[in-house]
């Protein structure tokens, strides 16, 4: 079709009341008007703009911008990104089991998964992938490299790679397989017969993974209480969340409601089976990164007074997404409804885009609802825990070391010199290791890391305002003295924030040997949120009084 005919066809479909019955006549006119303008504008650009247009980037950029005006969760998924989207939903894909990143135009392995082909073949985090099946990876994108690594199960892939300390690269052949990432990072028994399950995400594998862990803990270890940790769990498949709730709540119990623009999107979900553990004392751990299905889980447990919630206020993502098929194998993930917990409150935070820096929402702007035992809870603020335990603020220097791969690079090189370490429950990061890290930073980090304190950024902003308002010259000497005192000193900050830096450094080192499971076990050794949950579960009077249990 010629462009004009194609656009006319699109406009006819859009303006047709049969295609869009909910658009008024005025709205259909507006759609027709602006699509015609857009088509004319793009024609002029393609004909007369001085440089060649990147049509794909321009059009997809416009689509992305348009959807961003709605809410943070409605998104366009082009065909080339569909496999990643499906992986987030199912936790499964076919490949070798690695996470990669691009650094200085090089493909670097960031993580290998325990028991997967890459790990079994001997690939390690920090390895640079030079070529895949003879194709050079230098200068390639993460998407391109990822597509080369993925493929049908039982097909072979040839990889040429380079490791720190090697004089020459090596080659290997790996057979792809179905990669299934276990959403339960770790489970075990803590002190005084308290079980613990860490659920990293809600995928189609979550129900079976949690059920397996729960049955093992109750039948084989006779736990007296359970802690379910969904901190940093951003959600996922809601059906699996509801299945997990059914492990603890009686058949017929209201679990969740969905309400949208039309009756077709309205849903009511109830427990459909008899629970596995209806009376086991329960604590859910949450933080500001617990979102969507994690908030349904914690909100429903709280509303039914089935257990206590410990941690910090959750993210506040209570918008329901559905996927719609688009031409050329693309998809649209769009918001169609909102989630409501059993008390009737909406999980969604009032501030969709979290523009308020402190994240606080006044009670005067929210509505009160009541749990089964008549405890007050509020909507519009995510889920507020029964016991609020503020997490330690991460210093700026730690964030810089994370984003600039300083921890990662040191851990990779340190492992090359130390084939074995003690277990995550026994490992101690000694002063010798920390001093070795400081020397590493002196040699490597300063030339590669743009370390800039937050206070320095504030001073620069303050100075510009003083100059624009005419006050700076009168206090220039005093201001410069203060700037000199605040001048960033990387080694000074490494000593000042030693305890926090050492914690993250130890986590990176342990992950090199014991994967994500080992890293988590180390974190749990000093965890104020976990400690509070244990204290409450061990104190029956406090537990029952919190839930208004008579």
Protein backbone atom coordinates (compact mmCIF):
# COMPACT_ATOMS: atom_id res chain seq x y z
CA UNK A 1 0.00 0.00 0.00
CA UNK A 2 1.04 3.57 -0.60
CA UNK A 3 1.60 5.56 2.63
CA UNK A 4 -1.47 7.71 2.12
CA UNK A 5 -3.78 4.75 1.54
CA UNK A 6 -2.30 2.91 4.55
CA UNK A 7 -2.81 5.89 6.83
CA UNK A 8 -6.36 6.39 5.53
CA UNK A 9 -7.09 2.74 6.34
CA UNK A 10 -5.74 3.17 9.90
CA UNK A 11 -7.77 6.33 10.41
CA UNK A 12 -10.90 4.63 9.13
CA UNK A 13 -10.44 1.75 11.59
CA UNK A 14 -9.67 4.02 14.53
CA UNK A 15 -12.55 6.34 13.86
CA UNK A 16 -15.00 3.52 13.37
CA UNK A 17 -17.40 3.24 16.27
CA UNK A 18 -17.36 -0.55 15.81
CA UNK A 19 -13.62 -0.71 16.52
CA UNK A 20 -13.62 1.82 19.36
CA UNK A 21 -17.19 1.96 20.70
CA UNK A 22 -16.15 3.85 23.85
CA UNK A 23 -14.74 6.85 21.96
CA UNK A 24 -17.11 9.77 21.57
CA UNK A 25 -17.53 11.42 18.19
CA UNK A 26 -15.30 14.30 19.38
CA UNK A 27 -12.60 11.87 20.54
CA UNK A 28 -12.66 10.00 17.22
CA UNK A 29 -12.22 13.32 15.45
CA UNK A 30 -9.22 14.15 17.68
CA UNK A 31 -7.63 10.78 16.91
CA UNK A 32 -8.15 11.28 13.18
CA UNK A 33 -6.81 14.82 13.33
CA UNK A 34 -3.56 14.08 15.17
CA UNK A 35 -2.76 10.89 13.27
CA UNK A 36 -3.12 12.84 10.04
CA UNK A 37 -0.81 15.54 11.43
CA UNK A 38 1.70 12.91 12.54
CA UNK A 39 1.69 11.26 9.12
CA UNK A 40 2.19 14.59 7.36
CA UNK A 41 4.94 15.63 9.78
CA UNK A 42 6.81 12.37 9.34
CA UNK A 43 6.52 12.62 5.54
CA UNK A 44 8.09 16.08 5.62
CA UNK A 45 10.91 14.84 7.85
CA UNK A 46 11.65 11.85 5.63
CA UNK A 47 11.72 14.05 2.52
CA UNK A 48 13.65 17.09 3.71
CA UNK A 49 15.51 16.39 6.97
CA UNK A 50 19.25 16.75 6.38
CA UNK A 51 20.26 13.38 7.88
CA UNK A 52 18.89 9.87 7.40
CA UNK A 53 16.11 9.11 9.86
CA UNK A 54 16.32 6.12 12.17
CA UNK A 55 12.68 5.18 11.66
CA UNK A 56 12.65 2.37 14.24
CA UNK A 57 14.09 4.49 17.05
CA UNK A 58 11.84 7.45 16.30
CA UNK A 59 8.60 5.49 16.13
CA UNK A 60 9.36 3.22 19.11
CA UNK A 61 10.52 6.25 21.06
CA UNK A 62 7.20 7.96 20.39
CA UNK A 63 5.28 4.85 21.43
CA UNK A 64 7.28 4.60 24.67
CA UNK A 65 6.78 8.29 25.46
CA UNK A 66 3.04 8.03 24.83
CA UNK A 67 2.65 5.08 27.20
CA UNK A 68 4.77 6.75 29.87
CA UNK A 69 2.10 9.43 30.18
CA UNK A 70 -0.35 6.81 31.47
CA UNK A 71 1.38 4.94 34.32
CA UNK A 72 4.78 3.32 34.95
CA UNK A 73 3.61 -0.19 34.04
CA UNK A 74 1.91 0.08 30.65
CA UNK A 75 4.60 -0.75 28.11
CA UNK A 76 5.21 -1.71 24.50
CA UNK A 77 7.10 -4.99 24.06
CA UNK A 78 8.68 -5.36 20.61
CA UNK A 79 9.22 -8.84 19.24
CA UNK A 80 12.96 -8.77 20.01
CA UNK A 81 12.25 -8.20 23.74
CA UNK A 82 9.50 -10.80 24.03
CA UNK A 83 11.74 -13.63 25.26
CA UNK A 84 12.98 -11.53 28.18
CA UNK A 85 9.40 -10.64 29.08
CA UNK A 86 8.39 -14.30 29.00
CA UNK A 87 11.40 -15.20 31.17
CA UNK A 88 10.30 -12.69 33.82
CA UNK A 89 6.87 -14.32 33.83
CA UNK A 90 7.81 -18.00 33.74
CA UNK A 91 11.36 -18.07 35.11
CA UNK A 92 12.24 -20.37 32.20
CA UNK A 93 14.14 -20.06 28.93
CA UNK A 94 16.44 -22.18 26.76
CA UNK A 95 20.13 -21.34 26.90
CA UNK A 96 23.21 -21.90 29.06
CA UNK A 97 22.24 -20.08 32.30
CA UNK A 98 24.21 -16.84 32.57
CA UNK A 99 23.58 -13.13 33.12
CA UNK A 100 25.73 -10.86 30.95
CA UNK A 101 26.54 -7.16 30.68
CA UNK A 102 28.43 -4.89 28.31
CA UNK A 103 31.51 -3.12 29.68
CA UNK A 104 33.84 -1.13 27.46
CA UNK A 105 32.24 -2.83 24.41
CA UNK A 106 33.03 -6.25 25.88
CA UNK A 107 30.52 -8.96 26.83
CA UNK A 108 31.16 -9.88 30.47
CA UNK A 109 29.50 -12.68 32.45
CA UNK A 110 28.03 -11.19 35.64
CA UNK A 111 26.47 -14.34 37.06
CA UNK A 112 26.26 -18.06 36.38
CA UNK A 113 23.40 -20.12 37.79
CA UNK A 114 24.07 -23.09 40.04
CA UNK A 115 23.67 -26.45 38.30
CA UNK A 116 23.18 -24.89 34.85
CA UNK A 117 25.26 -25.68 31.69
CA UNK A 118 27.54 -22.63 31.95
CA UNK A 119 28.49 -23.43 35.56
CA UNK A 120 28.93 -27.15 34.87
CA UNK A 121 31.15 -26.32 31.88
CA UNK A 122 33.38 -24.12 34.04
CA UNK A 123 32.44 -20.58 33.02
CA UNK A 124 32.79 -18.03 35.81
CA UNK A 125 31.57 -14.50 36.58
CA UNK A 126 34.06 -12.03 35.15
CA UNK A 127 34.83 -14.11 32.06
CA UNK A 128 34.79 -12.12 28.82
CA UNK A 129 32.96 -13.79 25.94
CA UNK A 130 35.02 -13.07 22.83
CA UNK A 131 32.92 -14.95 20.29
CA UNK A 132 29.86 -17.20 20.03
CA UNK A 133 29.76 -19.74 17.21
CA UNK A 134 32.53 -17.80 15.47
CA UNK A 135 30.75 -14.41 15.73
CA UNK A 136 32.79 -11.74 17.46
CA UNK A 137 31.06 -10.15 20.46
CA UNK A 138 33.25 -7.05 20.54
CA UNK A 139 31.09 -3.96 20.26
CA UNK A 140 27.85 -5.96 20.27
CA UNK A 141 24.78 -5.17 22.40
CA UNK A 142 23.55 -7.18 25.36
CA UNK A 143 20.47 -8.12 23.35
CA UNK A 144 22.55 -9.42 20.44
CA UNK A 145 24.83 -11.49 22.68
CA UNK A 146 21.87 -12.83 24.66
CA UNK A 147 20.14 -13.97 21.47
CA UNK A 148 23.29 -15.85 20.41
CA UNK A 149 23.51 -17.63 23.77
CA UNK A 150 19.88 -18.71 23.74
CA UNK A 151 18.59 -21.47 21.52
CA UNK A 152 16.73 -24.73 21.39
CA UNK A 153 17.52 -27.28 24.09
CA UNK A 154 20.16 -29.93 23.26
CA UNK A 155 21.77 -27.75 20.58
CA UNK A 156 25.47 -26.98 21.02
CA UNK A 157 27.13 -23.59 21.22
CA UNK A 158 30.85 -22.80 20.76
CA UNK A 159 32.26 -20.07 23.00
CA UNK A 160 35.65 -18.41 22.97
CA UNK A 161 36.36 -16.65 26.25
CA UNK A 162 39.10 -14.90 28.23
CA UNK A 163 39.60 -15.03 32.02
CA UNK A 164 41.51 -12.75 34.37
CA UNK A 165 45.08 -13.98 34.75
CA UNK A 166 45.12 -16.03 31.55
CA UNK A 167 47.67 -15.28 28.84
CA UNK A 168 45.50 -16.74 26.08
CA UNK A 169 41.75 -17.25 25.62
CA UNK A 170 40.17 -20.70 25.57
CA UNK A 171 37.34 -22.35 23.68
CA UNK A 172 34.58 -24.65 24.84
CA UNK A 173 31.41 -26.27 23.54
CA UNK A 174 28.28 -26.15 25.72
CA UNK A 175 24.96 -27.86 25.14
CA UNK A 176 21.94 -25.65 25.77
CA UNK A 177 19.08 -26.82 27.97
CA UNK A 178 15.85 -25.54 29.49
CA UNK A 179 16.91 -23.09 32.19
CA UNK A 180 14.55 -22.99 35.18
CA UNK A 181 15.42 -20.43 37.84
CA UNK A 182 14.13 -21.53 41.24
CA UNK A 183 12.12 -18.60 42.69
CA UNK A 184 12.93 -19.86 46.21
CA UNK A 185 16.48 -18.64 46.69
CA UNK A 186 16.89 -20.44 50.01
CA UNK A 187 14.89 -22.08 52.76
CA UNK A 188 15.90 -23.55 56.10
CA UNK A 189 15.34 -23.66 59.84
CA UNK A 190 16.39 -20.77 62.07
CA UNK A 191 16.76 -20.84 65.85
CA UNK A 192 13.94 -22.15 68.03
CA UNK A 193 12.24 -24.14 65.23
CA UNK A 194 11.34 -21.14 63.07
CA UNK A 195 11.26 -21.88 59.34
CA UNK A 196 12.42 -19.42 56.71
CA UNK A 197 11.63 -19.20 52.98
CA UNK A 198 13.05 -16.52 50.67
CA UNK A 199 10.85 -16.01 47.60
CA UNK A 200 12.66 -13.92 44.99
CA UNK A 201 9.83 -13.66 42.44
CA UNK A 202 6.36 -14.89 41.56
CA UNK A 203 6.72 -17.03 38.45
CA UNK A 204 4.77 -20.04 37.21
CA UNK A 205 7.22 -22.12 39.27
CA UNK A 206 6.54 -20.37 42.60
CA UNK A 207 3.61 -22.45 43.84
CA UNK A 208 5.45 -25.76 43.60
CA UNK A 209 8.72 -24.30 44.93
CA UNK A 210 7.10 -22.80 48.04
CA UNK A 211 4.93 -25.88 48.60
CA UNK A 212 7.98 -28.15 48.47
CA UNK A 213 9.87 -25.97 50.95
CA UNK A 214 6.86 -25.63 53.28
CA UNK A 215 6.15 -29.38 53.40
CA UNK A 216 9.83 -30.15 54.05
CA UNK A 217 10.00 -27.60 56.88
CA UNK A 218 6.78 -28.74 58.55
CA UNK A 219 6.97 -32.51 58.04
CA UNK A 220 10.71 -33.14 58.32
CA UNK A 221 11.79 -30.32 60.64
CA UNK A 222 8.60 -29.76 62.69
CA UNK A 223 8.84 -25.97 62.60
CA UNK A 224 6.66 -24.00 65.02
CA UNK A 225 6.46 -20.79 62.95
CA UNK A 226 7.35 -19.57 59.45
CA UNK A 227 8.97 -16.45 58.03
CA UNK A 228 8.26 -15.78 54.35
CA UNK A 229 10.67 -13.18 52.96
CA UNK A 230 9.49 -11.21 49.91
CA UNK A 231 11.85 -8.24 50.28
CA UNK A 232 12.97 -6.95 46.87
CA UNK A 233 10.40 -9.25 45.24
CA UNK A 234 8.84 -7.08 42.54
CA UNK A 235 5.92 -9.43 41.90
CA UNK A 236 4.98 -11.43 38.85
CA UNK A 237 2.31 -14.08 38.30
CA UNK A 238 -0.69 -13.31 40.53
CA UNK A 239 -2.20 -16.81 40.22
CA UNK A 240 0.83 -18.28 41.96
CA UNK A 241 0.56 -15.65 44.68
CA UNK A 242 -3.06 -16.68 45.29
CA UNK A 243 -2.06 -20.35 45.36
CA UNK A 244 0.54 -19.60 48.04
CA UNK A 245 -2.02 -17.66 50.10
CA UNK A 246 -4.25 -20.73 49.91
CA UNK A 247 -1.53 -22.68 51.78
CA UNK A 248 -2.38 -20.64 54.89
CA UNK A 249 -6.00 -19.46 54.53
CA UNK A 250 -9.20 -21.55 54.70
CA UNK A 251 -11.17 -22.62 51.64
CA UNK A 252 -13.65 -19.96 50.62
CA UNK A 253 -11.68 -17.07 52.17
CA UNK A 254 -11.65 -13.88 50.09
CA UNK A 255 -8.11 -13.36 48.80
CA UNK A 256 -8.28 -10.54 46.26
CA UNK A 257 -10.58 -8.38 44.15
CA UNK A 258 -9.93 -6.67 40.81
CA UNK A 259 -11.94 -3.72 39.58
CA UNK A 260 -11.58 -2.06 36.17
CA UNK A 261 -13.43 0.16 33.72
CA UNK A 262 -15.72 -2.64 32.56
CA UNK A 263 -17.46 -5.55 34.25
CA UNK A 264 -15.40 -7.93 32.13
CA UNK A 265 -12.26 -6.90 34.05
CA UNK A 266 -13.84 -7.25 37.51
CA UNK A 267 -12.80 -10.38 39.40
CA UNK A 268 -13.17 -11.87 42.87
CA UNK A 269 -10.69 -14.53 43.99
CA UNK A 270 -11.26 -16.89 46.91
CA UNK A 271 -9.25 -19.76 48.35
CA UNK A 272 -10.26 -22.88 46.45
CA UNK A 273 -8.62 -25.64 48.52
CA UNK A 274 -8.10 -26.63 52.12
CA UNK A 275 -4.91 -25.01 53.51
CA UNK A 276 -1.69 -26.90 54.17
CA UNK A 277 -0.91 -24.99 57.39
CA UNK A 278 -3.97 -23.09 58.68
CA UNK A 279 -2.58 -22.47 62.19
CA UNK A 280 1.19 -22.05 61.76
CA UNK A 281 2.36 -18.69 63.16
CA UNK A 282 3.41 -16.54 60.21
CA UNK A 283 5.54 -13.47 59.50
CA UNK A 284 6.00 -11.77 56.12
CA UNK A 285 9.12 -9.63 55.53
CA UNK A 286 8.73 -6.69 53.12
CA UNK A 287 10.56 -3.55 52.06
CA UNK A 288 10.14 -0.62 49.66
CA UNK A 289 10.97 -2.88 46.71
CA UNK A 290 8.26 -5.43 47.53
CA UNK A 291 5.66 -4.79 44.84
CA UNK A 292 2.55 -6.12 43.12
CA UNK A 293 2.10 -9.83 43.98
CA UNK A 294 4.31 -9.37 47.07
CA UNK A 295 1.90 -6.69 48.24
CA UNK A 296 -1.11 -8.89 47.51
CA UNK A 297 0.48 -11.61 49.63
CA UNK A 298 1.38 -9.34 52.56
CA UNK A 299 -1.81 -7.26 52.29
CA UNK A 300 -4.09 -10.29 52.33
CA UNK A 301 -2.22 -11.88 55.24
CA UNK A 302 -2.54 -8.59 57.12
CA UNK A 303 -6.21 -8.00 56.26
CA UNK A 304 -7.21 -11.48 57.39
CA UNK A 305 -5.04 -11.21 60.54
CA UNK A 306 -3.36 -14.45 59.51
CA UNK A 307 0.15 -13.23 60.32
CA UNK A 308 2.35 -10.24 61.07
CA UNK A 309 4.13 -8.00 58.54
CA UNK A 310 7.65 -6.78 59.36
CA UNK A 311 9.92 -4.33 57.50
CA UNK A 312 9.29 -1.05 55.67
CA UNK A 313 6.35 0.26 53.69
CA UNK A 314 6.01 -1.53 50.35
CA UNK A 315 6.24 0.01 46.89
CA UNK A 316 2.52 0.52 46.24
CA UNK A 317 1.97 -1.19 42.88
CA UNK A 318 -1.67 -2.22 42.71
CA UNK A 319 -2.35 -1.88 39.00
CA UNK A 320 -3.35 -4.97 37.01
CA UNK A 321 -1.65 -5.56 33.66
CA UNK A 322 -2.90 -7.65 30.76
CA UNK A 323 -1.09 -8.35 27.50
CA UNK A 324 -2.61 -7.71 24.07
CA UNK A 325 -1.21 -9.04 20.81
CA UNK A 326 0.02 -6.46 18.29
CA UNK A 327 1.17 -6.85 14.65
CA UNK A 328 4.66 -8.25 13.91
CA UNK A 329 4.68 -10.38 17.09
CA UNK A 330 4.82 -7.35 19.38
CA UNK A 331 2.73 -7.05 22.52
CA UNK A 332 1.16 -4.31 24.59
CA UNK A 333 1.19 -4.73 28.37
CA UNK A 334 -1.50 -2.37 29.58
CA UNK A 335 -3.18 -1.53 32.85
CA UNK A 336 -6.77 -2.76 32.92
CA UNK A 337 -7.77 -2.77 36.61
CA UNK A 338 -6.69 -2.24 40.22
CA UNK A 339 -6.03 -4.74 43.02
CA UNK A 340 -8.03 -4.65 46.25
CA UNK A 341 -7.19 -6.71 49.34
CA UNK A 342 -9.93 -8.39 51.44
CA UNK A 343 -10.55 -5.31 53.61
CA UNK A 344 -11.44 -3.36 50.45
CA UNK A 345 -8.33 -1.19 50.30
CA UNK A 346 -6.38 -0.57 47.10
CA UNK A 347 -2.71 -1.49 47.11
CA UNK A 348 -1.77 1.23 44.60
CA UNK A 349 0.08 4.22 46.07
CA UNK A 350 -1.58 7.54 45.37
CA UNK A 351 1.65 8.82 43.84
CA UNK A 352 1.88 6.62 40.68
CA UNK A 353 5.35 7.77 39.72
CA UNK A 354 6.81 8.12 43.24
CA UNK A 355 7.75 11.74 42.64
CA UNK A 356 7.75 12.53 46.38
CA UNK A 357 11.34 11.98 47.44
CA UNK A 358 10.51 11.01 51.01
CA UNK A 359 7.81 8.61 49.81
CA UNK A 360 5.51 9.66 52.64
CA UNK A 361 1.79 10.14 52.07
CA UNK A 362 -0.25 12.04 54.72
CA UNK A 363 -3.02 10.02 56.41
CA UNK A 364 -5.43 12.83 55.59
CA UNK A 365 -5.25 11.88 51.90
CA UNK A 366 -6.02 8.19 52.46
CA UNK A 367 -9.00 6.09 53.55
CA UNK A 368 -9.15 3.78 56.58
CA UNK A 369 -10.27 0.15 56.23
CA UNK A 370 -10.41 -2.60 58.83
CA UNK A 371 -9.01 -6.11 59.07
CA UNK A 372 -10.97 -9.20 60.15
CA UNK A 373 -10.15 -8.42 63.80
CA UNK A 374 -11.01 -4.73 63.37
CA UNK A 375 -7.47 -3.38 63.09
CA UNK A 376 -7.23 -0.14 61.05
CA UNK A 377 -5.29 -0.23 57.76
CA UNK A 378 -5.00 2.46 55.10
CA UNK A 379 -5.07 2.40 51.32
CA UNK A 380 -3.03 4.52 48.94
CA UNK A 381 0.24 3.79 50.76
CA UNK A 382 1.19 0.29 49.70
CA UNK A 383 1.31 -2.06 52.71
CA UNK A 384 2.46 -0.56 56.01
CA UNK A 385 4.00 -3.30 58.21
CA UNK A 386 2.76 -4.07 61.72
CA UNK A 387 6.37 -3.66 62.86
CA UNK A 388 8.27 -0.99 60.94
CA UNK A 389 12.04 -1.58 60.96
CA UNK A 390 13.97 0.97 58.93
CA UNK A 391 16.69 -0.50 56.75
CA UNK A 392 20.20 0.89 56.96
CA UNK A 393 20.78 3.69 54.48
CA UNK A 394 23.34 2.75 51.85
CA UNK A 395 26.21 5.30 51.66
CA UNK A 396 26.88 6.96 48.31
CA UNK A 397 30.32 5.35 48.12
CA UNK A 398 28.74 1.87 48.20
CA UNK A 399 26.41 2.78 45.33
CA UNK A 400 29.35 4.09 43.31
CA UNK A 401 31.32 0.91 43.89
CA UNK A 402 28.33 -1.18 42.86
CA UNK A 403 27.58 0.73 39.67
CA UNK A 404 31.24 0.90 38.67
CA UNK A 405 31.82 -2.85 39.27
CA UNK A 406 34.53 -2.19 41.88
CA UNK A 407 33.21 -4.87 44.26
CA UNK A 408 32.62 -7.27 41.38
CA UNK A 409 36.07 -6.88 39.80
CA UNK A 410 37.87 -7.32 43.12
CA UNK A 411 35.82 -10.41 43.99
CA UNK A 412 36.59 -11.96 40.58
CA UNK A 413 40.32 -11.35 40.97
CA UNK A 414 40.35 -12.40 44.62
CA UNK A 415 38.73 -15.74 43.81
CA UNK A 416 41.39 -16.40 41.17
CA UNK A 417 43.95 -16.36 43.99
CA UNK A 418 41.81 -18.16 46.59
CA UNK A 419 40.13 -21.32 45.22
CA UNK A 420 38.22 -21.98 48.46
CA UNK A 421 36.73 -20.04 51.38
CA UNK A 422 34.73 -21.00 54.46
CA UNK A 423 30.94 -21.35 54.33
CA UNK A 424 28.64 -18.29 54.20
CA UNK A 425 27.75 -18.85 57.86
CA UNK A 426 31.42 -18.84 58.87
CA UNK A 427 33.12 -16.46 56.43
CA UNK A 428 34.75 -13.38 57.98
CA UNK A 429 36.07 -10.48 55.94
CA UNK A 430 39.34 -9.78 57.75
CA UNK A 431 41.23 -6.49 57.97
CA UNK A 432 43.83 -8.01 55.64
CA UNK A 433 41.20 -8.60 52.95
CA UNK A 434 39.81 -5.08 53.41
CA UNK A 435 43.26 -3.50 53.19
CA UNK A 436 43.88 -5.53 50.04
CA UNK A 437 40.65 -4.10 48.67
CA UNK A 438 41.77 -0.56 49.51
CA UNK A 439 44.96 -1.08 47.54
CA UNK A 440 42.91 -2.43 44.65
CA UNK A 441 40.77 0.72 44.73
CA UNK A 442 43.84 2.95 44.76
CA UNK A 443 45.22 1.28 41.66
CA UNK A 444 42.05 0.68 39.69
CA UNK A 445 39.08 2.64 40.93
CA UNK A 446 40.34 6.21 40.91
CA UNK A 447 41.12 6.24 37.20
CA UNK A 448 37.84 4.55 36.27
CA UNK A 449 35.36 5.79 38.87
CA UNK A 450 33.83 9.25 38.88
CA UNK A 451 33.36 9.36 42.64
CA UNK A 452 31.23 12.34 43.55
CA UNK A 453 29.63 12.83 46.94
CA UNK A 454 25.99 13.86 47.22
CA UNK A 455 27.07 16.77 49.41
CA UNK A 456 29.31 18.04 46.58
CA UNK A 457 26.37 18.02 44.16
CA UNK A 458 24.29 19.99 46.68
CA UNK A 459 27.10 22.52 47.13
CA UNK A 460 27.37 23.05 43.37
CA UNK A 461 23.62 23.62 43.15
CA UNK A 462 23.74 25.98 46.15
CA UNK A 463 26.61 27.94 44.60
CA UNK A 464 24.72 28.49 41.34
CA UNK A 465 21.74 29.82 43.25
CA UNK A 466 23.92 32.14 45.34
CA UNK A 467 25.53 33.51 42.18
CA UNK A 468 22.20 34.05 40.42
CA UNK A 469 20.81 35.88 43.45
CA UNK A 470 23.95 38.02 43.95
CA UNK A 471 25.03 36.68 47.35
CA UNK A 472 28.05 34.58 46.39
CA UNK A 473 30.76 37.29 46.19
CA UNK A 474 30.12 38.44 49.75
CA UNK A 475 30.68 34.93 51.17
CA UNK A 476 33.04 33.49 48.54
CA UNK A 477 35.93 32.90 50.98
CA UNK A 478 33.77 31.11 53.55
CA UNK A 479 32.05 29.08 50.83
CA UNK A 480 35.38 27.96 49.33
CA UNK A 481 36.63 26.93 52.79
CA UNK A 482 33.55 24.75 53.21
CA UNK A 483 34.04 23.25 49.73
CA UNK A 484 37.63 22.33 50.60
CA UNK A 485 36.48 20.62 53.80
CA UNK A 486 33.92 18.62 51.84
CA UNK A 487 36.32 17.73 49.04
CA UNK A 488 35.85 14.04 48.29
CA UNK A 489 38.58 11.75 49.58
CA UNK A 490 38.01 8.18 48.51
CA UNK A 491 40.42 6.66 51.05
CA UNK A 492 38.94 8.74 53.87
CA UNK A 493 35.44 7.56 52.99
CA UNK A 494 36.61 3.95 52.76
CA UNK A 495 37.73 4.19 56.39
CA UNK A 496 34.68 6.15 57.54
CA UNK A 497 32.20 3.69 55.93
CA UNK A 498 34.31 0.59 56.50
CA UNK A 499 31.56 -1.52 58.11
CA UNK A 500 29.05 -0.89 55.30
CA UNK A 501 31.63 -1.32 52.53
CA UNK A 502 32.97 -4.52 54.11
CA UNK A 503 29.46 -5.97 54.24
CA UNK A 504 28.87 -5.51 50.51
CA UNK A 505 32.38 -6.64 49.64
CA UNK A 506 31.85 -9.87 51.61
CA UNK A 507 28.53 -10.44 49.81
CA UNK A 508 30.26 -10.16 46.41
CA UNK A 509 33.07 -12.50 47.43
CA UNK A 510 30.69 -15.13 48.81
CA UNK A 511 28.52 -14.99 45.67
CA UNK A 512 31.57 -15.97 43.61
CA UNK A 513 31.72 -19.28 45.49
CA UNK A 514 28.20 -20.01 46.72
CA UNK A 515 25.92 -18.22 44.21
CA UNK A 516 22.88 -16.14 45.24
CA UNK A 517 21.92 -18.67 47.92
CA UNK A 518 25.21 -18.23 49.76
CA UNK A 519 25.04 -14.46 49.45
CA UNK A 520 21.59 -14.45 51.04
CA UNK A 521 22.69 -16.74 53.89
CA UNK A 522 25.49 -14.29 54.70
CA UNK A 523 23.08 -11.33 54.70
CA UNK A 524 20.77 -13.10 57.15
CA UNK A 525 23.56 -13.27 59.73
CA UNK A 526 23.05 -9.60 60.56
CA UNK A 527 19.49 -8.69 59.62
CA UNK A 528 17.46 -6.43 61.94
CA UNK A 529 14.18 -7.10 60.11
CA UNK A 530 14.62 -10.87 60.37
CA UNK A 531 15.63 -10.54 64.05
CA UNK A 532 12.48 -8.57 64.83
CA UNK A 533 10.28 -11.18 63.13
CA UNK A 534 11.95 -13.93 65.16
CA UNK A 535 11.45 -11.98 68.40
CA UNK A 536 7.72 -11.50 67.75
CA UNK A 537 7.15 -15.11 66.68
CA UNK A 538 8.86 -16.30 69.86
CA UNK A 539 6.69 -14.01 72.00
CA UNK A 540 3.23 -15.58 71.78
CA UNK A 541 1.59 -12.79 73.78
CA UNK A 542 2.99 -10.07 71.51
CA UNK A 543 2.08 -12.04 68.40
CA UNK A 544 -1.54 -12.60 69.41
CA UNK A 545 -2.06 -9.09 70.78
CA UNK A 546 -0.73 -7.57 67.54
CA UNK A 547 -3.32 -9.53 65.57
CA UNK A 548 -6.12 -8.86 68.12
CA UNK A 549 -6.51 -12.59 68.63
CA UNK A 550 -8.68 -13.30 71.70
